Amino acid sequence: MKRVIIFFSILSASIIAMAHGNFPVIPYPNKLVEVDGQFEFKSALTVTLPKAFKSELGVVTSIFADEYSVKILSAPNGKLSFRQNKQLGNEAYKLTVGSDKMEVEASTTTGCFWAVQTIRQLMKLTGSGGYTVAGCQIEDQPAYQWRAFMLDDVRHFKGKKVVKGLLDQMALLKLNIFHWHLTDDQGWRIEIKKYPLLTEVGAWRDSTQIYPPVGPTRRYNPYAHGGFYSQEDVKEIIEYAANLHITIVPEIEMPGHALAAIAAYPWLGSDGEKIKVPCNFGRNDKVNAFNVADERVYRFLEEVLKEVMALFPGKVIHIGGDEVDYAAWKNNEAVNALMKKEGFKNYSDVQIYFTNRISNFIEKSGKRMMGWNEIVGNVNVDKQEELATTSLAKSSIIHFWKGSPKLLNEAISKGYDVVNSNKIYTYLDYNYEATPLEKAYSFSPLPEGIKAEQAKQVLGLGCQMWGERIPKVTEMYYQVFPRIAAYAEDGWTNDINKNFDHFSKALGKLKHYWNSKGIIYYDEN
């Protein structure tokens, strides 16, 4: 029996490889069968959409018109027909391509939209002004529900046009979460009407550190840098993303990485002193954080979060929570009095006390809190050696980025939902020597050693474009592309269906597309 299983595995792998070769789609579908024939059309394509999917007509029309100069005509028996099948999952779709028509089945508009992205990538120019799509039957749905790209818009502000362009590329690759890092030490990028100084003061710095430093010496670009998104800008981007079936998760950093807010309102800080928005990255010379023993800080954060939650319709709010330097609290009498009153053993317990208050507020508002894995209190930050003795609210989503992988497993075993963004694999600011394309492609969100019934707690993965080293958009593109395509396949395609050789070949078509869009990318060849 063992020999039969081995033979079958080799045969299956061979069949998968053959199918991969004829269908350059990223992320690769989870079930694809090649059939005879091909669908061909030239200057026009008739489309049939049921009432439930009418919202997608504009998207379908604009894609085919802009990219292929093909007219879309509504017709009762169109050559491209969509049908609602409520038996399919939320993001699932079926695509059948024959010699006379293409048929799509989906339960939701999202599944319908993902099917269109697959068709886009399957189309081949015939050389005679027409296009063909190879005959196939596809049954597809994502391996994970959370497939995120994060943009740090703080360290170097990018603006609406760039953000929309990134959303376009995410949609093509079926990435469905845009994690928007909007506040940090070096800037506050979202308008809060209750606290106008957050953007009047906190959105601007007078210079910016240049990478790389010369030994221990920092270098600075002497020009002011800043910018922010008005609430109208945010609404516009949210609507744009929603049309691409992408949910935006905002990140409002607390209780650390908060110096831009403290520069705007010094009473928020642990020492109450006036500071300017930092111009350097990494650890600052002066340690500071929100004063978590001051009730005014909680009122401030709740009022900020009310405005944020009113803007963003998604169910998750990210609060950061990473790299809090407890030295900011050790000399604060009120924080030490709070520790004594609550019986806390260390400052990790203080952070969990703060985080639970924020989590409860967010949960009462009908949403869930998410934060980097320091919020669990089990990660030593710069050898502070203070592991929490209290527990984080169980509704929290743990965003794993650093530490031993066993910490991720511990969070899962305690019942938390997690998103895996292990920095060794998923940080886009790392160079290609540290994280080559094949290493990025090899990443699996599912950690080893967890029980089968715990797998559902692994929501998916995120890839992170931190902004310290990317002042120019072209520099950002170079770090993001083509690795973003690898992470898209990591999140969508089951491990058994992944094939790096095929992926590398399919990437050639995407590179031609990126060339047409003026997107700079790293090429290992």
Protein backbone atom coordinates (compact mmCIF):
# COMPACT_ATOMS: atom_id res chain seq x y z
CA MET A 1 0.00 0.00 0.00
CA LYS A 2 2.82 2.38 0.83
CA ARG A 3 4.24 2.09 -2.71
CA VAL A 4 0.83 2.84 -4.23
CA ILE A 5 0.51 5.99 -2.11
CA ILE A 6 3.96 7.17 -3.11
CA PHE A 7 3.25 6.52 -6.80
CA PHE A 8 -0.07 8.35 -6.54
CA SER A 9 1.61 11.35 -4.87
CA ILE A 10 4.23 11.56 -7.61
CA LEU A 11 1.58 11.22 -10.31
CA SER A 12 -0.59 13.89 -8.67
CA ALA A 13 2.36 16.26 -8.43
CA SER A 14 3.10 15.68 -12.12
CA ILE A 15 -0.50 16.41 -13.13
CA ILE A 16 -0.52 19.56 -10.98
CA ALA A 17 2.72 20.76 -12.56
CA MET A 18 1.33 20.21 -16.07
CA ALA A 19 -1.82 22.16 -15.28
CA HIS A 20 0.18 24.93 -13.64
CA GLY A 21 2.21 25.41 -16.79
CA ASN A 22 -0.78 26.29 -18.97
CA PHE A 23 -2.49 28.65 -16.52
CA PRO A 24 -0.40 31.62 -15.33
CA VAL A 25 -2.61 32.68 -12.42
CA ILE A 26 -1.39 34.13 -9.12
CA PRO A 27 -2.57 33.07 -6.62
CA TYR A 28 -3.01 29.65 -8.18
CA PRO A 29 -6.55 28.18 -7.92
CA ASN A 30 -7.09 25.37 -5.44
CA LYS A 31 -8.76 23.12 -8.00
CA LEU A 32 -8.16 23.49 -11.72
CA VAL A 33 -8.81 20.93 -14.43
CA GLU A 34 -7.69 21.60 -17.99
CA VAL A 35 -10.26 20.84 -20.73
CA ASP A 36 -10.07 20.94 -24.51
CA GLY A 37 -10.67 24.11 -26.44
CA GLN A 38 -10.38 27.79 -25.70
CA PHE A 39 -12.69 30.75 -25.50
CA GLU A 40 -11.91 33.55 -27.96
CA PHE A 41 -13.25 37.07 -28.34
CA LYS A 42 -12.13 40.29 -30.01
CA SER A 43 -13.54 43.79 -29.64
CA ALA A 44 -16.64 43.09 -27.57
CA LEU A 45 -17.83 40.72 -24.88
CA THR A 46 -21.48 40.15 -23.95
CA VAL A 47 -22.09 39.66 -20.23
CA THR A 48 -25.05 38.34 -18.26
CA LEU A 49 -25.22 39.35 -14.61
CA PRO A 50 -28.03 38.40 -12.21
CA LYS A 51 -29.59 41.14 -10.13
CA ALA A 52 -27.56 40.10 -7.07
CA PHE A 53 -24.31 40.85 -8.93
CA LYS A 54 -25.29 44.05 -10.76
CA SER A 55 -23.00 46.05 -8.51
CA GLU A 56 -20.03 44.38 -10.23
CA LEU A 57 -20.92 45.49 -13.76
CA GLY A 58 -19.03 48.77 -13.46
CA VAL A 59 -15.90 47.01 -12.23
CA VAL A 60 -16.04 44.38 -14.98
CA THR A 61 -16.63 47.04 -17.61
CA SER A 62 -13.78 49.30 -16.48
CA ILE A 63 -11.27 46.44 -16.21
CA PHE A 64 -11.93 45.09 -19.70
CA ALA A 65 -12.15 48.52 -21.27
CA ASP A 66 -8.99 49.89 -19.63
CA GLU A 67 -6.76 46.85 -19.90
CA TYR A 68 -7.99 45.12 -23.04
CA SER A 69 -9.92 47.78 -25.00
CA VAL A 70 -12.87 45.41 -24.97
CA LYS A 71 -16.45 46.66 -24.85
CA ILE A 72 -18.79 45.07 -22.33
CA LEU A 73 -22.37 44.64 -23.51
CA SER A 74 -25.17 43.40 -21.25
CA ALA A 75 -27.15 40.58 -22.81
CA PRO A 76 -29.58 37.89 -21.59
CA ASN A 77 -27.39 35.07 -22.94
CA GLY A 78 -23.95 36.61 -22.73
CA LYS A 79 -20.74 34.87 -23.68
CA LEU A 80 -19.60 35.58 -20.10
CA SER A 81 -22.40 34.66 -17.75
CA PHE A 82 -22.62 34.86 -13.98
CA ARG A 83 -24.94 32.82 -11.80
CA GLN A 84 -25.57 32.99 -8.07
CA ASN A 85 -24.94 29.72 -6.25
CA LYS A 86 -25.68 30.14 -2.55
CA GLN A 87 -24.13 26.77 -1.74
CA LEU A 88 -20.66 28.26 -2.25
CA GLY A 89 -18.64 30.03 0.46
CA ASN A 90 -18.35 33.79 0.83
CA GLU A 91 -15.20 34.15 -1.31
CA ALA A 92 -15.57 30.99 -3.39
CA TYR A 93 -16.28 30.83 -7.10
CA LYS A 94 -16.49 28.34 -9.94
CA LEU A 95 -15.28 29.19 -13.43
CA THR A 96 -15.93 27.08 -16.52
CA VAL A 97 -14.26 28.07 -19.77
CA GLY A 98 -15.46 26.34 -22.94
CA SER A 99 -15.03 27.07 -26.61
CA ASP A 100 -18.30 29.02 -26.85
CA LYS A 101 -18.70 30.73 -23.46
CA MET A 102 -17.37 31.36 -19.95
CA GLU A 103 -19.56 30.71 -16.91
CA VAL A 104 -19.04 31.92 -13.35
CA GLU A 105 -20.83 30.71 -10.24
CA ALA A 106 -20.54 32.51 -6.91
CA SER A 107 -22.55 33.03 -3.75
CA THR A 108 -21.56 36.64 -3.20
CA THR A 109 -20.32 39.64 -5.12
CA THR A 110 -16.89 38.98 -3.59
CA GLY A 111 -16.69 35.54 -5.16
CA CYS A 112 -17.88 37.07 -8.43
CA PHE A 113 -15.14 39.71 -8.21
CA TRP A 114 -12.37 37.18 -7.51
CA ALA A 115 -13.49 35.16 -10.54
CA VAL A 116 -13.02 38.25 -12.70
CA GLN A 117 -9.45 38.62 -11.37
CA THR A 118 -8.74 35.05 -12.45
CA ILE A 119 -10.14 35.71 -15.92
CA ARG A 120 -7.94 38.82 -16.22
CA GLN A 121 -4.83 36.76 -15.64
CA LEU A 122 -5.92 33.91 -17.93
CA MET A 123 -6.43 36.16 -20.96
CA LYS A 124 -3.80 35.93 -23.69
CA LEU A 125 -3.41 38.28 -26.62
CA THR A 126 -3.83 36.36 -29.88
CA GLY A 127 -1.85 38.79 -32.03
CA SER A 128 -4.86 39.58 -34.19
CA GLY A 129 -6.59 42.05 -31.91
CA GLY A 130 -8.41 39.35 -29.95
CA TYR A 131 -7.96 37.39 -26.73
CA THR A 132 -8.19 33.76 -25.73
CA VAL A 133 -8.76 31.98 -22.44
CA ALA A 134 -7.67 28.35 -22.24
CA GLY A 135 -10.38 25.77 -21.56
CA CYS A 136 -10.64 24.84 -17.89
CA GLN A 137 -12.86 24.11 -14.92
CA ILE A 138 -11.94 25.90 -11.71
CA GLU A 139 -13.39 25.48 -8.22
CA ASP A 140 -11.66 27.92 -5.95
CA GLN A 141 -11.75 29.48 -2.51
CA PRO A 142 -9.05 30.90 -0.24
CA ALA A 143 -7.11 28.85 2.29
CA TYR A 144 -7.30 31.75 4.78
CA GLN A 145 -9.80 34.52 5.41
CA TRP A 146 -7.19 37.14 6.40
CA ARG A 147 -4.79 38.02 3.55
CA ALA A 148 -3.32 41.39 4.38
CA PHE A 149 -0.89 43.95 3.06
CA MET A 150 0.21 46.64 5.52
CA LEU A 151 1.41 50.11 4.53
CA ASP A 152 3.25 52.24 7.06
CA ASP A 153 2.03 55.67 5.94
CA VAL A 154 3.64 57.41 8.92
CA ARG A 155 7.39 57.32 8.45
CA HIS A 156 6.97 58.58 4.88
CA PHE A 157 3.55 59.88 3.86
CA LYS A 158 2.33 58.51 0.50
CA GLY A 159 -1.07 60.06 -0.24
CA LYS A 160 -4.35 58.99 -1.84
CA LYS A 161 -3.12 58.24 -5.35
CA VAL A 162 -0.43 55.84 -4.16
CA VAL A 163 -2.78 54.13 -1.72
CA LYS A 164 -5.39 53.57 -4.42
CA GLY A 165 -2.74 52.15 -6.74
CA LEU A 166 -1.69 49.66 -4.06
CA LEU A 167 -5.33 48.68 -3.54
CA ASP A 168 -5.62 47.98 -7.27
CA GLN A 169 -2.65 45.60 -7.12
CA MET A 170 -4.00 43.92 -3.99
CA ALA A 171 -7.32 43.25 -5.73
CA LEU A 172 -5.66 41.61 -8.72
CA LEU A 173 -3.89 39.25 -6.30
CA LYS A 174 -7.02 38.60 -4.19
CA LEU A 175 -5.58 40.20 -1.06
CA ASN A 176 -8.56 41.32 1.00
CA ILE A 177 -7.23 43.29 4.01
CA PHE A 178 -5.46 46.64 3.78
CA HIS A 179 -3.79 47.19 7.15
CA TRP A 180 -3.25 50.96 7.32
CA HIS A 181 -0.60 52.07 9.83
CA LEU A 182 -1.73 55.65 10.46
CA THR A 183 -0.07 56.82 13.69
CA ASP A 184 3.37 56.43 15.23
CA ASP A 185 6.17 58.44 16.80
CA GLN A 186 7.08 60.24 13.57
CA GLY A 187 3.61 61.37 12.54
CA TRP A 188 -0.17 61.31 12.96
CA ARG A 189 -1.86 60.83 9.59
CA ILE A 190 -5.63 60.83 10.21
CA GLU A 191 -7.83 63.84 10.97
CA ILE A 192 -9.55 63.71 14.38
CA LYS A 193 -12.02 66.58 14.62
CA LYS A 194 -12.15 66.53 18.42
CA TYR A 195 -8.37 66.99 18.60
CA PRO A 196 -7.20 69.16 15.68
CA LEU A 197 -3.62 69.51 16.97
CA LEU A 198 -3.04 65.83 16.15
CA THR A 199 -2.70 66.84 12.51
CA GLU A 200 -1.85 70.54 12.90
CA VAL A 201 1.19 69.60 15.00
CA GLY A 202 1.52 65.81 15.00
CA ALA A 203 1.44 65.35 11.21
CA TRP A 204 4.64 67.33 10.62
CA ARG A 205 8.33 67.00 11.48
CA ASP A 206 11.12 69.40 10.65
CA SER A 207 13.58 66.84 9.25
CA THR A 208 13.95 63.10 8.64
CA GLN A 209 16.63 60.57 9.44
CA ILE A 210 18.41 59.15 6.39
CA TYR A 211 19.35 55.50 6.04
CA PRO A 212 21.87 54.05 6.32
CA PRO A 213 23.61 55.90 9.17
CA VAL A 214 27.37 56.32 9.08
CA GLY A 215 28.46 54.11 11.95
CA PRO A 216 26.73 55.39 15.10
CA THR A 217 26.14 58.81 13.50
CA ARG A 218 22.64 59.72 12.38
CA ARG A 219 22.20 61.72 9.19
CA TYR A 220 19.18 63.91 8.46
CA ASN A 221 17.38 65.28 5.45
CA PRO A 222 16.88 68.90 6.59
CA TYR A 223 13.51 69.40 4.87
CA ALA A 224 10.17 69.28 6.67
CA HIS A 225 8.02 66.24 5.98
CA GLY A 226 4.38 65.57 6.70
CA GLY A 227 0.83 65.19 5.54
CA PHE A 228 -2.41 63.62 6.66
CA TYR A 229 -5.71 62.26 5.42
CA SER A 230 -8.83 64.31 6.09
CA GLN A 231 -11.88 62.34 7.10
CA GLU A 232 -13.26 62.95 3.62
CA ASP A 233 -10.07 61.48 2.16
CA VAL A 234 -10.47 58.44 4.40
CA LYS A 235 -14.09 57.94 3.34
CA GLU A 236 -13.05 58.17 -0.32
CA ILE A 237 -10.34 55.52 0.12
CA ILE A 238 -12.64 53.24 2.13
CA GLU A 239 -15.24 53.39 -0.66
CA TYR A 240 -12.57 52.74 -3.27
CA ALA A 241 -11.34 49.70 -1.33
CA ALA A 242 -14.88 48.40 -0.78
CA ASN A 243 -15.49 48.39 -4.54
CA LEU A 244 -12.41 46.15 -4.78
CA HIS A 245 -13.73 43.91 -1.97
CA ILE A 246 -10.94 45.00 0.36
CA THR A 247 -11.53 45.79 4.03
CA ILE A 248 -9.36 48.46 5.63
CA VAL A 249 -8.08 47.87 9.16
CA PRO A 250 -6.75 51.10 10.71
CA GLU A 251 -3.89 51.00 13.21
CA ILE A 252 -3.86 53.66 15.94
CA GLU A 253 -0.74 53.02 18.06
CA MET A 254 -0.99 52.85 21.87
CA PRO A 255 0.35 53.02 24.55
CA GLY A 256 3.82 53.31 22.96
CA HIS A 257 4.88 54.65 19.55
CA ALA A 258 2.77 57.65 20.52
CA LEU A 259 5.19 60.59 20.40
CA ALA A 260 3.44 62.45 17.59
CA ALA A 261 0.26 62.53 19.68
CA ILE A 262 2.23 63.58 22.76
CA ALA A 263 3.91 66.35 20.75
CA ALA A 264 0.43 67.67 19.97
CA TYR A 265 -0.92 67.26 23.52
CA PRO A 266 1.95 66.97 26.05
CA TRP A 267 -0.38 66.06 28.93
CA LEU A 268 -0.86 62.65 27.27
CA GLY A 269 2.75 61.71 28.02
CA SER A 270 4.15 59.89 31.01
CA ASP A 271 6.21 62.93 32.05
CA GLY A 272 3.96 65.74 30.77
CA GLU A 273 6.86 67.56 29.10
CA LYS A 274 6.60 69.35 25.78
CA ILE A 275 8.35 67.57 22.89
CA LYS A 276 8.52 67.91 19.13
CA VAL A 277 7.60 65.24 16.60
CA PRO A 278 10.68 62.97 16.39
CA CYS A 279 12.78 63.07 13.25
CA ASN A 280 14.73 59.89 13.94
CA PHE A 281 13.56 56.29 13.62
CA GLY A 282 13.99 53.43 16.06
CA ARG A 283 14.50 54.16 19.75
CA ASN A 284 14.30 57.83 20.69
CA ASP A 285 16.75 59.50 23.03
CA LYS A 286 13.94 60.49 25.37
CA VAL A 287 11.66 57.68 26.51
CA ASN A 288 7.93 58.45 26.61
CA ALA A 289 4.54 56.76 26.30
CA PHE A 290 0.91 57.46 27.14
CA ASN A 291 0.33 58.01 30.85
CA VAL A 292 -1.88 54.99 31.48
CA ALA A 293 -2.68 56.11 35.04
CA ASP A 294 -4.38 59.32 33.87
CA GLU A 295 -8.12 59.10 33.18
CA ARG A 296 -7.78 61.99 30.72
CA VAL A 297 -5.71 59.69 28.48
CA TYR A 298 -8.51 57.11 28.36
CA ARG A 299 -11.07 59.80 27.52
CA PHE A 300 -8.79 61.04 24.76
CA LEU A 301 -8.28 57.58 23.28
CA GLU A 302 -11.97 56.69 23.49
CA GLU A 303 -12.92 59.91 21.70
CA VAL A 304 -10.28 59.27 19.03
CA LEU A 305 -11.47 55.69 18.59
CA LYS A 306 -15.10 56.81 18.34
CA GLU A 307 -14.21 58.93 15.31
CA VAL A 308 -12.06 56.17 13.82
CA MET A 309 -14.73 53.50 14.29
CA ALA A 310 -17.38 55.78 12.79
CA LEU A 311 -15.25 56.04 9.65
CA PHE A 312 -14.14 52.43 9.16
CA PRO A 313 -16.95 49.90 8.65
CA GLY A 314 -14.71 46.86 9.22
CA LYS A 315 -14.99 44.84 12.41
CA VAL A 316 -11.34 45.12 13.54
CA ILE A 317 -9.36 48.01 15.05
CA HIS A 318 -5.60 47.54 15.40
CA ILE A 319 -3.99 49.28 18.41
CA GLY A 320 -0.34 48.35 17.81
CA GLY A 321 0.85 47.79 21.37
CA ASP A 322 4.41 46.85 20.45
CA GLU A 323 7.77 47.97 21.79
CA VAL A 324 6.55 49.89 24.84
CA ASP A 325 9.62 50.97 26.82
CA TYR A 326 8.60 50.56 30.45
CA ALA A 327 11.22 53.08 31.51
CA ALA A 328 8.57 55.65 30.55
CA TRP A 329 6.42 54.44 33.46
CA LYS A 330 9.00 53.56 36.09
CA ASN A 331 9.51 57.19 37.17
CA ASN A 332 5.81 58.05 37.05
CA GLU A 333 4.31 58.19 40.55
CA ALA A 334 0.76 57.74 39.35
CA VAL A 335 1.63 54.59 37.37
CA ASN A 336 3.46 53.12 40.36
CA ALA A 337 0.48 53.93 42.58
CA LEU A 338 -1.78 52.17 40.06
CA MET A 339 0.48 49.11 40.20
CA LYS A 340 0.28 49.01 43.98
CA LYS A 341 -3.49 49.53 44.03
CA GLU A 342 -4.15 46.75 41.49
CA GLY A 343 -1.52 44.39 42.91
CA PHE A 344 0.40 44.15 39.65
CA LYS A 345 3.74 42.34 39.69
CA ASN A 346 5.37 44.30 36.86
CA TYR A 347 4.83 46.79 34.04
CA SER A 348 3.67 44.13 31.58
CA ASP A 349 0.66 43.76 33.85
CA VAL A 350 0.16 47.54 33.61
CA GLN A 351 0.14 47.31 29.82
CA ILE A 352 -2.42 44.48 29.88
CA TYR A 353 -4.59 46.53 32.27
CA PHE A 354 -4.49 49.40 29.77
CA THR A 355 -5.05 47.13 26.77
CA ASN A 356 -8.03 45.40 28.36
CA ARG A 357 -9.70 48.74 29.03
CA ILE A 358 -9.26 49.69 25.38
CA SER A 359 -10.39 46.22 24.24
CA ASN A 360 -13.56 46.44 26.33
CA PHE A 361 -14.37 49.84 24.86
CA ILE A 362 -13.85 48.61 21.31
CA GLU A 363 -15.88 45.47 21.96
CA LYS A 364 -18.80 47.47 23.39
CA SER A 365 -18.74 49.41 20.13
CA GLY A 366 -19.33 46.18 18.18
CA LYS A 367 -15.77 45.66 16.96
CA ARG A 368 -12.70 43.61 17.92
CA MET A 369 -9.30 44.78 19.03
CA MET A 370 -6.13 43.53 17.38
CA GLY A 371 -2.54 44.16 18.41
CA TRP A 372 1.04 43.02 17.94
CA ASN A 373 1.91 40.05 20.13
CA GLU A 374 3.44 42.11 22.96
CA ILE A 375 -0.16 42.76 24.06
CA VAL A 376 -0.24 39.21 25.46
CA GLY A 377 2.60 40.19 27.79
CA ASN A 378 4.87 37.29 26.85
CA VAL A 379 7.54 39.00 24.75
CA ASN A 380 10.66 40.48 26.29
CA VAL A 381 11.21 43.92 24.77
CA ASP A 382 14.90 44.81 24.84
CA LYS A 383 15.40 42.32 27.70
CA GLN A 384 13.02 44.09 30.04
CA GLU A 385 12.35 40.60 31.46
CA GLU A 386 8.85 41.44 32.60
CA LEU A 387 6.40 38.73 31.64
CA ALA A 388 2.79 39.41 32.53
CA THR A 389 0.99 37.62 35.34
CA THR A 390 -2.46 38.86 34.25
CA SER A 391 -4.50 37.83 31.20
CA LEU A 392 -5.46 39.68 28.06
CA ALA A 393 -9.13 39.78 27.01
CA LYS A 394 -9.93 36.64 25.02
CA SER A 395 -11.72 38.57 22.26
CA SER A 396 -8.38 40.12 21.20
CA ILE A 397 -6.74 39.12 17.94
CA ILE A 398 -3.01 38.47 18.36
CA HIS A 399 -0.84 39.71 15.50
CA PHE A 400 2.34 37.65 15.76
CA TRP A 401 5.50 39.34 14.49
CA LYS A 402 8.40 38.53 16.79
CA GLY A 403 9.72 36.05 19.31
CA SER A 404 9.92 32.28 19.42
CA PRO A 405 7.27 30.49 17.32
CA LYS A 406 6.20 28.73 20.51
CA LEU A 407 4.70 32.06 21.62
CA LEU A 408 2.31 31.86 18.67
CA ASN A 409 1.36 28.32 19.65
CA GLU A 410 0.83 29.40 23.26
CA ALA A 411 -1.55 32.14 22.17
CA ILE A 412 -3.50 29.62 20.08
CA SER A 413 -3.61 27.12 22.95
CA LYS A 414 -5.08 29.83 25.18
CA GLY A 415 -7.93 30.31 22.72
CA TYR A 416 -6.87 33.50 20.92
CA ASP A 417 -7.41 34.07 17.21
CA VAL A 418 -4.11 34.94 15.53
CA VAL A 419 -2.71 36.45 12.35
CA ASN A 420 0.79 35.22 11.52
CA SER A 421 3.20 37.91 10.32
CA ASN A 422 6.48 36.39 11.41
CA LYS A 423 8.99 39.13 10.57
CA ILE A 424 11.60 36.63 9.40
CA TYR A 425 9.35 35.83 6.43
CA THR A 426 6.91 38.73 5.93
CA TYR A 427 8.66 42.06 6.49
CA LEU A 428 8.92 43.86 3.18
CA ASP A 429 11.44 46.40 4.48
CA TYR A 430 13.97 43.54 4.77
CA ASN A 431 16.24 43.31 1.74
CA TYR A 432 16.16 40.45 -0.74
CA GLU A 433 19.21 38.79 0.78
CA ALA A 434 17.38 38.41 4.08
CA THR A 435 14.04 37.51 2.48
CA PRO A 436 14.45 36.30 -1.10
CA LEU A 437 11.36 35.59 -3.16
CA GLU A 438 11.50 31.82 -2.62
CA LYS A 439 11.67 32.29 1.15
CA ALA A 440 8.64 34.59 1.03
CA TYR A 441 6.82 32.00 -1.08
CA SER A 442 7.65 29.22 1.38
CA PHE A 443 5.82 30.90 4.26
CA SER A 444 2.83 29.09 5.75
CA PRO A 445 0.60 30.94 8.23
CA LEU A 446 -0.20 27.66 9.99
CA PRO A 447 2.43 26.96 12.67
CA GLU A 448 3.70 23.47 13.31
CA GLY A 449 2.59 21.64 16.42
CA ILE A 450 -0.98 22.87 16.84
CA LYS A 451 -3.96 20.54 17.02
CA ALA A 452 -6.19 20.10 14.00
CA GLU A 453 -9.17 21.69 15.75
CA GLN A 454 -7.06 24.80 16.52
CA ALA A 455 -6.31 25.55 12.87
CA LYS A 456 -9.45 27.69 12.56
CA GLN A 457 -7.93 30.13 15.07
CA VAL A 458 -5.21 30.98 12.52
CA LEU A 459 -7.05 33.63 10.53
CA GLY A 460 -4.27 34.09 8.01
CA LEU A 461 -1.23 36.23 7.33
CA GLY A 462 -0.05 39.77 6.77
CA CYS A 463 2.94 41.21 4.91
CA GLN A 464 4.26 44.53 6.19
CA MET A 465 5.80 47.47 4.33
CA TRP A 466 7.43 49.52 7.08
CA GLY A 467 8.32 52.97 5.85
CA GLU A 468 11.56 54.13 7.46
CA ARG A 469 13.73 53.31 4.45
CA ILE A 470 11.35 54.16 1.60
CA PRO A 471 11.08 57.94 1.15
CA LYS A 472 10.35 57.47 -2.56
CA VAL A 473 7.41 55.58 -4.04
CA THR A 474 9.76 53.76 -6.43
CA GLU A 475 11.77 52.51 -3.45
CA MET A 476 8.58 51.22 -1.87
CA TYR A 477 7.56 49.43 -5.08
CA TYR A 478 11.00 47.80 -5.30
CA GLN A 479 10.55 46.31 -1.81
CA VAL A 480 6.91 45.26 -2.31
CA PHE A 481 7.01 43.80 -5.80
CA PRO A 482 7.23 40.90 -6.58
CA ARG A 483 7.12 39.56 -2.99
CA ILE A 484 3.53 40.72 -2.49
CA ALA A 485 2.51 38.14 -5.12
CA ALA A 486 4.22 35.38 -3.11
CA TYR A 487 2.34 36.36 0.04
CA ALA A 488 -0.92 36.45 -1.91
CA GLU A 489 -0.39 32.82 -2.90
CA ASP A 490 0.68 31.91 0.65
CA GLY A 491 -2.69 33.16 1.87
CA TRP A 492 -4.94 31.84 -0.88
CA THR A 493 -3.48 28.60 -2.21
CA ASN A 494 -3.37 25.40 -0.17
CA ASP A 495 0.17 24.17 0.45
CA ILE A 496 -0.40 21.04 -1.64
CA ASN A 497 -1.21 23.20 -4.69
CA LYS A 498 1.77 25.55 -4.39
CA ASN A 499 4.63 25.20 -6.86
CA PHE A 500 7.45 27.73 -6.86
CA ASP A 501 8.62 26.88 -10.38
CA HIS A 502 5.17 27.58 -11.77
CA PHE A 503 4.83 30.69 -9.64
CA SER A 504 8.11 32.02 -11.02
CA LYS A 505 6.95 31.47 -14.59
CA ALA A 506 3.52 32.99 -13.97
CA LEU A 507 5.26 36.00 -12.47
CA GLY A 508 6.54 36.85 -15.95
CA LYS A 509 3.04 37.88 -17.03
CA LEU A 510 2.57 39.99 -13.90
CA LYS A 511 5.88 41.72 -14.54
CA HIS A 512 4.69 42.76 -18.01
CA TYR A 513 1.56 44.13 -16.37
CA TRP A 514 3.57 46.01 -13.70
CA ASN A 515 5.74 47.45 -16.48
CA SER A 516 2.62 48.85 -18.11
CA LYS A 517 1.64 50.50 -14.81
CA GLY A 518 5.06 52.00 -14.16
CA ILE A 519 5.66 49.80 -11.13
CA ILE A 520 9.31 49.22 -10.30
CA TYR A 521 10.08 45.71 -9.04
CA TYR A 522 13.05 43.65 -7.98
CA ASP A 523 14.12 41.06 -10.53
CA GLU A 524 16.23 38.16 -9.30
CA ASN A 525 17.09 37.09 -12.86
